[in-house]
Amino acid sequence: MTCSADMKFKLSAISYQLSAIFSTVYCLLFTLFSIYSYAFLDIGLTLTSFEPYLNLQKKMQWFGYFNRPKSTIIFIALCFSLYTIYCILYTSLKKVKISLKRVLFLSILISGILIFAYPSFSHDIFNYIFNAKMVLVYKADPHQQVAANFPDSMLGFMRNI
């Protein structure tokens, strides 16, 4: 039994619409992931003096650092949801011929969303920056000197001192 061309077109249109819905949900999940990443902002780091943001930052830090069971559940749920929708989009991409433009648009959109995410658990970035500062500003070798020997306001962001 074969499907008529009209039936195939309708199934293709439905698959395309479902793919659009899942793409939107995928972008929303990445937005939530970007917001969630600020729960792991370094405690000593202040990005701005804007009071409403500082209140949100404190709540997010409390949630990320001091309410770990709920934070873990949200992290796992976000990762599982993102992976599930990725699999759905991948299989629908194989079934329905989606244009390269649409795939590139979704990729660029997700990249744009993730630009605003805080690089969670990347504490070593501050160590690398200060090691460069030791070489360029203080003319010291970071392999022979420790960062604690230098009076600098950046030491509050480092983990290995």
C-alpha atoms as a PDB file:
ATOM      1  CA  MET A   1       0.000   0.000   0.000  1.00  0.00           C
ATOM      2  CA  THR A   2       1.532   3.305  -1.055  1.00  0.00           C
ATOM      3  CA  CYS A   3       0.749   6.795   0.086  1.00  0.00           C
ATOM      4  CA  SER A   4      -0.480   9.308  -2.368  1.00  0.00           C
ATOM      5  CA  ALA A   5       1.597  12.378  -3.155  1.00  0.00           C
ATOM      6  CA  ASP A   6      -0.938  14.538  -1.305  1.00  0.00           C
ATOM      7  CA  MET A   7      -0.615  12.415   1.835  1.00  0.00           C
ATOM      8  CA  LYS A   8       3.190  12.585   1.685  1.00  0.00           C
ATOM      9  CA  PHE A   9       3.018  16.359   1.309  1.00  0.00           C
ATOM     10  CA  LYS A  10       0.739  16.643   4.364  1.00  0.00           C
ATOM     11  CA  LEU A  11       3.038  14.435   6.440  1.00  0.00           C
ATOM     12  CA  SER A  12       6.004  16.480   5.298  1.00  0.00           C
ATOM     13  CA  ALA A  13       4.234  19.722   6.259  1.00  0.00           C
ATOM     14  CA  ILE A  14       3.347  18.335   9.695  1.00  0.00           C
ATOM     15  CA  SER A  15       6.933  17.160  10.237  1.00  0.00           C
ATOM     16  CA  TYR A  16       8.192  20.583   9.202  1.00  0.00           C
ATOM     17  CA  GLN A  17       5.834  22.296  11.673  1.00  0.00           C
ATOM     18  CA  LEU A  18       6.888  19.934  14.465  1.00  0.00           C
ATOM     19  CA  SER A  19      10.495  20.633  13.631  1.00  0.00           C
ATOM     20  CA  ALA A  20       9.803  24.377  13.910  1.00  0.00           C
ATOM     21  CA  ILE A  21       8.128  23.884  17.299  1.00  0.00           C
ATOM     22  CA  PHE A  22      11.007  21.753  18.587  1.00  0.00           C
ATOM     23  CA  SER A  23      13.509  24.320  17.276  1.00  0.00           C
ATOM     24  CA  THR A  24      11.728  27.034  19.251  1.00  0.00           C
ATOM     25  CA  VAL A  25      11.678  24.898  22.400  1.00  0.00           C
ATOM     26  CA  TYR A  26      15.368  24.106  21.829  1.00  0.00           C
ATOM     27  CA  CYS A  27      16.202  27.823  21.730  1.00  0.00           C
ATOM     28  CA  LEU A  28      14.125  28.460  24.856  1.00  0.00           C
ATOM     29  CA  LEU A  29      15.962  25.682  26.691  1.00  0.00           C
ATOM     30  CA  PHE A  30      19.301  27.193  25.708  1.00  0.00           C
ATOM     31  CA  THR A  31      18.052  30.550  27.017  1.00  0.00           C
ATOM     32  CA  LEU A  32      17.158  28.894  30.332  1.00  0.00           C
ATOM     33  CA  PHE A  33      20.571  27.214  30.363  1.00  0.00           C
ATOM     34  CA  SER A  34      22.233  30.607  29.831  1.00  0.00           C
ATOM     35  CA  ILE A  35      20.287  32.087  32.741  1.00  0.00           C
ATOM     36  CA  TYR A  36      21.037  29.033  34.891  1.00  0.00           C
ATOM     37  CA  SER A  37      24.766  29.439  34.221  1.00  0.00           C
ATOM     38  CA  TYR A  38      24.740  32.612  36.333  1.00  0.00           C
ATOM     39  CA  ALA A  39      24.019  30.465  39.397  1.00  0.00           C
ATOM     40  CA  PHE A  40      27.710  29.583  39.295  1.00  0.00           C
ATOM     41  CA  LEU A  41      29.070  33.106  39.069  1.00  0.00           C
ATOM     42  CA  ASP A  42      32.105  33.453  41.326  1.00  0.00           C
ATOM     43  CA  ILE A  43      31.035  34.715  44.736  1.00  0.00           C
ATOM     44  CA  GLY A  44      33.641  37.501  44.688  1.00  0.00           C
ATOM     45  CA  LEU A  45      32.827  38.654  41.161  1.00  0.00           C
ATOM     46  CA  THR A  46      30.540  41.632  40.597  1.00  0.00           C
ATOM     47  CA  LEU A  47      29.663  42.322  36.977  1.00  0.00           C
ATOM     48  CA  THR A  48      27.745  45.551  37.534  1.00  0.00           C
ATOM     49  CA  SER A  49      26.409  47.855  40.240  1.00  0.00           C
ATOM     50  CA  PHE A  50      22.827  47.730  38.901  1.00  0.00           C
ATOM     51  CA  GLU A  51      20.789  46.899  42.026  1.00  0.00           C
ATOM     52  CA  PRO A  52      18.045  44.716  40.459  1.00  0.00           C
ATOM     53  CA  TYR A  53      20.724  42.618  38.759  1.00  0.00           C
ATOM     54  CA  LEU A  54      22.706  42.295  42.008  1.00  0.00           C
ATOM     55  CA  ASN A  55      19.606  41.001  43.804  1.00  0.00           C
ATOM     56  CA  LEU A  56      19.042  38.432  41.052  1.00  0.00           C
ATOM     57  CA  GLN A  57      22.744  37.520  41.124  1.00  0.00           C
ATOM     58  CA  LYS A  58      22.641  36.850  44.880  1.00  0.00           C
ATOM     59  CA  LYS A  59      19.557  34.651  44.512  1.00  0.00           C
ATOM     60  CA  MET A  60      21.137  32.739  41.637  1.00  0.00           C
ATOM     61  CA  GLN A  61      24.410  32.267  43.547  1.00  0.00           C
ATOM     62  CA  TRP A  62      22.532  31.044  46.605  1.00  0.00           C
ATOM     63  CA  PHE A  63      20.648  28.600  44.416  1.00  0.00           C
ATOM     64  CA  GLY A  64      23.782  27.368  42.641  1.00  0.00           C
ATOM     65  CA  TYR A  65      26.153  27.114  45.582  1.00  0.00           C
ATOM     66  CA  PHE A  66      23.959  26.513  48.617  1.00  0.00           C
ATOM     67  CA  ASN A  67      20.937  24.640  47.240  1.00  0.00           C
ATOM     68  CA  ARG A  68      22.793  21.958  45.349  1.00  0.00           C
ATOM     69  CA  PRO A  69      20.142  19.213  45.311  1.00  0.00           C
ATOM     70  CA  LYS A  70      17.600  21.379  43.467  1.00  0.00           C
ATOM     71  CA  SER A  71      20.315  22.900  41.307  1.00  0.00           C
ATOM     72  CA  THR A  72      21.479  19.420  40.328  1.00  0.00           C
ATOM     73  CA  ILE A  73      17.951  18.383  39.398  1.00  0.00           C
ATOM     74  CA  ILE A  74      17.524  21.468  37.201  1.00  0.00           C
ATOM     75  CA  PHE A  75      20.907  20.912  35.558  1.00  0.00           C
ATOM     76  CA  ILE A  76      20.136  17.268  34.781  1.00  0.00           C
ATOM     77  CA  ALA A  77      16.649  18.167  33.517  1.00  0.00           C
ATOM     78  CA  LEU A  78      18.068  20.869  31.226  1.00  0.00           C
ATOM     79  CA  CYS A  79      20.771  18.563  29.869  1.00  0.00           C
ATOM     80  CA  PHE A  80      18.335  15.694  29.346  1.00  0.00           C
ATOM     81  CA  SER A  81      15.801  17.988  27.641  1.00  0.00           C
ATOM     82  CA  LEU A  82      18.438  19.517  25.376  1.00  0.00           C
ATOM     83  CA  TYR A  83      19.743  16.089  24.395  1.00  0.00           C
ATOM     84  CA  THR A  84      16.245  14.717  23.776  1.00  0.00           C
ATOM     85  CA  ILE A  85      15.243  17.626  21.568  1.00  0.00           C
ATOM     86  CA  TYR A  86      18.578  17.403  19.760  1.00  0.00           C
ATOM     87  CA  CYS A  87      17.823  13.757  18.944  1.00  0.00           C
ATOM     88  CA  ILE A  88      14.308  14.649  17.789  1.00  0.00           C
ATOM     89  CA  LEU A  89      15.604  17.465  15.589  1.00  0.00           C
ATOM     90  CA  TYR A  90      18.332  15.247  14.181  1.00  0.00           C
ATOM     91  CA  THR A  91      15.917  12.487  13.206  1.00  0.00           C
ATOM     92  CA  SER A  92      13.447  14.980  11.747  1.00  0.00           C
ATOM     93  CA  LEU A  93      16.297  16.555   9.804  1.00  0.00           C
ATOM     94  CA  LYS A  94      17.007  13.186   8.235  1.00  0.00           C
ATOM     95  CA  LYS A  95      13.327  12.552   7.410  1.00  0.00           C
ATOM     96  CA  VAL A  96      12.351  15.989   6.155  1.00  0.00           C
ATOM     97  CA  LYS A  97      14.781  17.782   3.933  1.00  0.00           C
ATOM     98  CA  ILE A  98      15.364  21.006   5.841  1.00  0.00           C
ATOM     99  CA  SER A  99      17.369  23.633   4.034  1.00  0.00           C
ATOM    100  CA  LEU A 100      20.926  24.418   4.999  1.00  0.00           C
ATOM    101  CA  LYS A 101      19.832  28.029   5.606  1.00  0.00           C
ATOM    102  CA  ARG A 102      17.447  26.899   8.340  1.00  0.00           C
ATOM    103  CA  VAL A 103      20.099  24.746  10.022  1.00  0.00           C
ATOM    104  CA  LEU A 104      22.634  27.582   9.888  1.00  0.00           C
ATOM    105  CA  PHE A 105      20.059  30.043  11.215  1.00  0.00           C
ATOM    106  CA  LEU A 106      19.304  27.782  14.184  1.00  0.00           C
ATOM    107  CA  SER A 107      23.028  27.280  14.835  1.00  0.00           C
ATOM    108  CA  ILE A 108      23.746  31.009  14.745  1.00  0.00           C
ATOM    109  CA  LEU A 109      20.722  31.737  16.940  1.00  0.00           C
ATOM    110  CA  ILE A 110      21.829  29.210  19.561  1.00  0.00           C
ATOM    111  CA  SER A 111      25.386  30.557  19.440  1.00  0.00           C
ATOM    112  CA  GLY A 112      24.020  34.062  19.951  1.00  0.00           C
ATOM    113  CA  ILE A 113      22.048  32.897  22.972  1.00  0.00           C
ATOM    114  CA  LEU A 114      25.042  31.094  24.476  1.00  0.00           C
ATOM    115  CA  ILE A 115      27.277  34.154  24.113  1.00  0.00           C
ATOM    116  CA  PHE A 116      25.406  35.591  27.090  1.00  0.00           C
ATOM    117  CA  ALA A 117      25.960  32.488  29.233  1.00  0.00           C
ATOM    118  CA  TYR A 118      28.494  32.708  32.039  1.00  0.00           C
ATOM    119  CA  PRO A 119      31.337  30.214  31.580  1.00  0.00           C
ATOM    120  CA  SER A 120      30.410  28.070  34.580  1.00  0.00           C
ATOM    121  CA  PHE A 121      33.151  26.253  36.433  1.00  0.00           C
ATOM    122  CA  SER A 122      35.869  28.023  34.491  1.00  0.00           C
ATOM    123  CA  HIS A 123      37.692  29.371  37.514  1.00  0.00           C
ATOM    124  CA  ASP A 124      41.051  28.622  35.932  1.00  0.00           C
ATOM    125  CA  ILE A 125      40.477  31.411  33.387  1.00  0.00           C
ATOM    126  CA  PHE A 126      41.192  33.930  36.149  1.00  0.00           C
ATOM    127  CA  ASN A 127      44.378  32.040  37.060  1.00  0.00           C
ATOM    128  CA  TYR A 128      45.589  32.205  33.463  1.00  0.00           C
ATOM    129  CA  ILE A 129      44.797  35.906  33.246  1.00  0.00           C
ATOM    130  CA  PHE A 130      46.697  36.612  36.458  1.00  0.00           C
ATOM    131  CA  ASN A 131      49.650  34.484  35.323  1.00  0.00           C
ATOM    132  CA  ALA A 132      49.839  36.663  32.217  1.00  0.00           C
ATOM    133  CA  LYS A 133      49.614  39.752  34.417  1.00  0.00           C
ATOM    134  CA  MET A 134      52.488  38.428  36.548  1.00  0.00           C
ATOM    135  CA  VAL A 135      54.645  38.123  33.437  1.00  0.00           C
ATOM    136  CA  LEU A 136      53.648  41.378  31.729  1.00  0.00           C
ATOM    137  CA  VAL A 137      53.048  43.758  34.645  1.00  0.00           C
ATOM    138  CA  TYR A 138      55.103  42.408  37.548  1.00  0.00           C
ATOM    139  CA  LYS A 139      57.889  40.878  35.384  1.00  0.00           C
ATOM    140  CA  ALA A 140      57.745  37.672  37.452  1.00  0.00           C
ATOM    141  CA  ASP A 141      57.785  34.025  36.469  1.00  0.00           C
ATOM    142  CA  PRO A 142      54.503  32.342  37.513  1.00  0.00           C
ATOM    143  CA  HIS A 143      56.357  29.017  37.789  1.00  0.00           C
ATOM    144  CA  GLN A 144      58.709  30.411  40.439  1.00  0.00           C
ATOM    145  CA  GLN A 145      56.447  32.941  42.202  1.00  0.00           C
ATOM    146  CA  VAL A 146      52.998  32.433  43.690  1.00  0.00           C
ATOM    147  CA  ALA A 147      50.126  34.802  43.011  1.00  0.00           C
ATOM    148  CA  ALA A 148      49.666  35.549  46.722  1.00  0.00           C
ATOM    149  CA  ASN A 149      53.007  37.426  46.695  1.00  0.00           C
ATOM    150  CA  PHE A 150      51.467  40.236  44.659  1.00  0.00           C
ATOM    151  CA  PRO A 151      49.018  42.774  46.119  1.00  0.00           C
ATOM    152  CA  ASP A 152      46.282  42.755  43.519  1.00  0.00           C
ATOM    153  CA  SER A 153      42.501  43.059  43.662  1.00  0.00           C
ATOM    154  CA  MET A 154      42.205  40.190  41.192  1.00  0.00           C
ATOM    155  CA  LEU A 155      43.357  37.639  43.785  1.00  0.00           C
ATOM    156  CA  GLY A 156      39.788  37.385  45.096  1.00  0.00           C
ATOM    157  CA  PHE A 157      38.735  35.628  41.900  1.00  0.00           C
ATOM    158  CA  MET A 158      41.444  32.991  41.974  1.00  0.00           C
ATOM    159  CA  ARG A 159      40.981  29.499  43.388  1.00  0.00           C
ATOM    160  CA  ASN A 160      44.521  28.248  43.858  1.00  0.00           C
ATOM    161  CA  ILE A 161      45.978  30.829  46.233  1.00  0.00           C
END
